[in-house]
Structures are given as structure tokens and as C-alpha cells.
Protein backbone atom coordinates (compact mmCIF):
# COMPACT_ATOMS: atom_id res chain seq x y z
CA MET A 1 0.00 0.00 0.00
CA ARG A 2 1.59 3.22 -1.18
CA ILE A 3 -0.28 5.23 1.43
CA LEU A 4 2.09 3.82 4.06
CA TRP A 5 4.82 6.10 2.65
CA VAL A 6 2.90 8.88 4.40
CA THR A 7 3.13 6.91 7.65
CA LEU A 8 6.86 6.36 7.18
CA LEU A 9 7.45 10.06 6.45
CA VAL A 10 5.62 11.09 9.64
CA VAL A 11 7.64 8.61 11.73
CA LEU A 12 10.95 9.76 10.21
CA VAL A 13 10.27 13.48 10.70
CA ASP A 14 8.99 12.84 14.23
CA GLN A 15 11.98 10.76 15.29
CA LEU A 16 14.55 13.03 13.65
CA THR A 17 13.15 16.10 15.41
CA LYS A 18 13.02 14.29 18.76
CA VAL A 19 16.61 13.07 18.48
CA LEU A 20 17.69 16.59 17.53
CA VAL A 21 15.96 18.00 20.61
CA VAL A 22 17.41 15.35 22.95
CA GLN A 23 20.93 15.87 21.55
CA THR A 24 20.92 19.69 21.54
CA MET A 25 18.70 20.76 24.45
CA TYR A 26 18.48 19.95 28.14
CA PRO A 27 15.18 19.04 29.87
CA GLY A 28 13.22 22.17 30.72
CA GLN A 29 15.17 24.38 28.32
CA SER A 30 12.98 26.78 26.38
CA ILE A 31 14.00 28.67 23.22
CA PRO A 32 11.67 31.44 21.97
CA VAL A 33 10.80 31.13 18.27
CA ILE A 34 7.98 33.69 17.95
CA ASP A 35 8.07 35.86 21.10
CA ASP A 36 6.45 33.99 23.99
CA TRP A 37 3.73 32.55 21.78
CA LEU A 38 5.80 29.76 20.12
CA LYS A 39 8.82 28.22 21.81
CA LEU A 40 10.86 25.06 21.69
CA THR A 41 10.61 23.65 25.21
CA TYR A 42 12.09 20.23 25.91
CA THR A 43 9.91 18.08 28.16
CA GLU A 44 9.34 14.37 28.54
CA ASN A 45 5.86 12.95 29.05
CA PRO A 46 5.55 9.57 30.82
CA GLY A 47 1.78 9.42 30.26
CA MET A 48 -0.76 10.16 27.58
CA ALA A 49 -1.99 13.51 26.34
CA PHE A 50 -1.58 16.30 28.93
CA GLY A 51 0.53 13.96 31.06
CA LEU A 52 -2.45 11.84 32.10
CA SER A 53 -1.49 8.40 33.31
CA PHE A 54 -3.21 5.41 34.80
CA GLY A 55 -2.51 1.82 35.72
CA PRO A 56 0.87 0.27 36.30
CA PRO A 57 3.93 1.44 34.33
CA GLY A 58 3.77 0.33 30.71
CA THR A 59 -0.04 0.41 30.54
CA VAL A 60 -0.07 3.44 28.24
CA ALA A 61 2.44 1.75 25.91
CA VAL A 62 0.36 -1.43 25.71
CA LEU A 63 -2.85 0.50 25.02
CA ALA A 64 -1.06 2.59 22.37
CA ILE A 65 0.17 -0.60 20.66
CA VAL A 66 -3.34 -2.11 20.66
CA ALA A 67 -4.83 1.09 19.20
CA THR A 68 -2.09 1.26 16.55
CA VAL A 69 -2.64 -2.34 15.50
CA LEU A 70 -6.37 -1.63 15.14
CA ILE A 71 -5.67 1.46 13.03
CA ALA A 72 -3.30 -0.54 10.79
CA TRP A 73 -5.86 -3.34 10.44
CA TYR A 74 -8.62 -0.86 9.52
CA LEU A 75 -6.34 0.89 7.04
CA TYR A 76 -5.67 -2.49 5.41
CA ARG A 77 -9.40 -3.27 5.31
CA ILE A 78 -10.14 -0.03 3.43
CA ARG A 79 -7.02 -0.15 1.25
CA ASP A 80 -9.08 0.59 -1.88
CA GLY A 81 -11.16 3.32 -0.25
CA TYR A 82 -11.22 7.08 -0.68
CA ALA A 83 -7.58 8.28 -0.76
CA PRO A 84 -7.88 11.42 1.44
CA TYR A 85 -9.59 9.36 4.15
CA ARG A 86 -6.87 6.69 3.96
CA ALA A 87 -4.17 9.38 4.01
CA SER A 88 -5.70 10.78 7.21
CA LEU A 89 -5.50 7.33 8.79
CA ALA A 90 -1.92 6.93 7.55
CA VAL A 91 -0.96 10.23 9.22
CA ILE A 92 -2.57 9.09 12.49
CA LEU A 93 -0.75 5.75 12.23
CA GLY A 94 2.57 7.55 11.73
CA GLY A 95 1.96 9.73 14.77
CA ALA A 96 0.98 6.75 16.90
CA LEU A 97 4.07 4.80 15.82
CA GLY A 98 6.32 7.80 16.51
CA ASN A 99 5.14 8.04 20.11
CA ILE A 100 5.22 4.25 20.57
CA ILE A 101 8.90 4.24 19.60
CA ASP A 102 9.53 6.71 22.43
CA ARG A 103 7.55 4.65 24.94
CA LEU A 104 9.17 1.35 24.01
CA PHE A 105 12.79 2.27 23.39
CA TYR A 106 13.74 5.70 24.77
CA GLY A 107 14.07 4.44 28.34
CA LEU A 108 16.62 1.88 27.19
CA LEU A 109 18.28 4.11 24.61
CA TYR A 110 18.80 7.02 26.99
CA GLY A 111 19.42 4.85 30.07
CA TYR A 112 16.70 6.02 32.45
CA ALA A 113 14.24 3.09 32.34
CA GLY A 114 13.59 -0.32 30.86
CA PHE A 115 11.75 -1.52 27.77
CA PHE A 116 8.13 -0.20 27.64
CA HIS A 117 8.89 2.54 30.20
CA GLY A 118 10.20 5.35 28.00
CA ARG A 119 8.88 8.88 28.02
CA VAL A 120 7.58 10.72 24.96
CA VAL A 121 9.73 13.70 23.97
CA ASP A 122 7.69 16.89 23.54
CA PHE A 123 9.10 20.23 22.43
CA ILE A 124 6.67 22.34 20.37
CA HIS A 125 5.33 24.79 22.95
CA VAL A 126 2.38 26.98 21.97
CA ASP A 127 1.29 29.47 24.61
CA LEU A 128 -2.36 29.88 23.62
CA TRP A 129 -3.87 31.78 26.53
CA ARG A 130 -3.34 32.68 30.17
CA GLY A 131 -5.90 34.36 32.35
CA TYR A 132 -8.80 34.09 34.75
CA LEU A 133 -11.97 32.31 33.68
CA PRO A 134 -15.26 34.20 34.16
CA GLU A 135 -17.05 33.55 37.45
CA PHE A 136 -20.18 32.19 35.72
CA ILE A 137 -18.38 29.05 34.47
CA PRO A 138 -19.42 26.16 36.74
CA PHE A 139 -16.76 24.56 38.99
CA ILE A 140 -13.77 26.41 37.52
CA GLY A 141 -15.02 30.00 37.25
CA GLY A 142 -12.62 32.53 38.69
CA ALA A 143 -9.66 30.18 38.41
CA TYR A 144 -6.42 31.13 36.69
CA VAL A 145 -5.86 28.93 33.64
CA ALA A 146 -2.85 28.60 31.39
CA LEU A 147 -3.37 26.85 28.06
CA PHE A 148 0.08 26.02 26.79
CA PRO A 149 0.31 22.61 25.14
CA ILE A 150 3.76 21.19 24.56
CA TRP A 151 3.68 18.51 21.91
CA ASN A 152 5.68 16.95 19.09
CA VAL A 153 5.40 16.10 15.40
CA ALA A 154 3.64 12.80 16.18
CA ASP A 155 1.01 14.58 18.27
CA MET A 156 0.46 17.15 15.50
CA ALA A 157 0.11 14.33 12.96
CA ILE A 158 -2.54 12.64 15.08
CA VAL A 159 -4.53 15.88 15.39
CA ILE A 160 -4.22 16.62 11.65
CA GLY A 161 -5.25 13.05 10.85
CA VAL A 162 -8.32 13.24 13.08
CA VAL A 163 -9.35 16.52 11.44
CA GLY A 164 -8.88 14.81 8.05
CA LEU A 165 -11.08 11.89 9.14
CA LEU A 166 -13.80 14.31 10.19
CA LEU A 167 -13.57 16.21 6.89
CA PHE A 168 -13.45 13.16 4.61
CA GLN A 169 -15.60 10.59 6.42
CA LYS A 170 -18.85 11.57 4.70
CA GLU A 171 -17.39 11.17 1.21
CA PHE A 172 -15.65 7.94 2.23
CA HIS A 173 -18.91 6.42 3.47
CA ARG A 174 -20.84 7.69 0.44
CA ARG A 175 -18.37 5.96 -1.86
CA GLN A 176 -18.42 2.77 0.24
CA GLN A 177 -22.22 2.65 0.06
CA ALA A 178 -22.15 3.27 -3.70
CA ALA A 179 -19.65 0.42 -4.15
CA VAL A 180 -21.81 -1.95 -2.10
CA ALA A 181 -24.90 -0.95 -4.09
CA ALA A 182 -23.07 -1.45 -7.39
CA ALA A 183 -21.79 -4.87 -6.30
CA SER A 184 -25.25 -5.83 -5.11
CA ALA A 185 -26.84 -4.74 -8.41
CA SER A 186 -24.33 -6.73 -10.45
CA GLU A 187 -25.15 -9.88 -8.48
CA GLN A 188 -28.92 -9.65 -9.12
CA PRO A 189 -30.17 -12.08 -11.75
CA VAL A 190 -31.34 -10.43 -14.93
CA GLU A 191 -35.08 -10.92 -15.55
CA GLN A 192 -35.99 -12.14 -19.02
CA SER A 193 -39.12 -10.97 -20.75
């Protein structure tokens, strides 16, 4: 499947940028790119998105592998489907594989943990907003909030892929239904008069 070249490209760019960050920056270092809005900030995430974690060590890695296998299986199942939809899945697959490589091997490679216990390298720091939420917002009104995600190329690929799935799913399903209808019509016996 040629669409997997997209997956490979995402993995390569992701891993090259992460290795570059690990080799040239120290943890916590922040380099402004566009004022305080966009920075390169080297962090390592032992959990999932936003640092969330649950279960014993390695749980996130196992769940990520299961999800990635399911994405790959689905991509194979729809290998003849609508190309933009498949490309979106291929981008998600590349992002998932990029972060799995970190989780599986970075602990061993960089000598801080064993197999399956690596941390994901994040470095693209976007300072979206800082301020107090209005009082009328239930539970969190009046609280100071800082929205400043720090992510990596793999994370960006996953987000872009999900947006692509949302944009292209309707056309994908329309074409799938048309193909099923066409196959069904060709199997119907022809009535003779």
C-alpha cells in the first residue's frame, strides 16, 4: 500500500526532530521562536496527552500498541477506499508509531528506564492563553488557567489526521455505500421478458 509512505514520512520526521531536541537541548530548556507565543521547550511525558497516566507502568504503551494495530488493520481493510480518508488514517498511524517508539525504546536508549517505560519527547510549545476564567463558568469559574500545550510532530500528525477523518468521512462512506450498491446490483439475476 503506497499510502504507508505517508506513515513512514511522519515517523521519520517525528523521530529526527526528537533526536535533535534530545541531543541539543536539556530538559526544561525553552528557546523562543515567535516571542512567547511559540517556543521550543524540551519536556518528557511519561503518560498520555496532557501527562495523564493510569494503571501500572507500561499500561499506556500497551494501550497505544493495541490502538495502533487496530488502526493498521482498519487501514488495510479499506485499502481501496477514498484516498484522502486513507491518508488521514496513515498520518494518524505515523503519529501513533512515533510516540510508541519513544515509549518502548527511549528508556533503554537514553538509560533512564527499561523496555516499555520510555517517556515521549515533547518540544513544540504553543502558549495559547493565560488568564482568569469568568465567574459564571461552573466549577472552575474565577480560576487562573494557562493553556500552553507542549507537543511533538507525532502529536500534531494525530490531530491533523483526526481533522482529516472528520472532513473526509462523509465522502468515504458515500463511496463505500455506492460500491456496495453497485456490487449488489451486479449480483442480481437479470429478468428475461
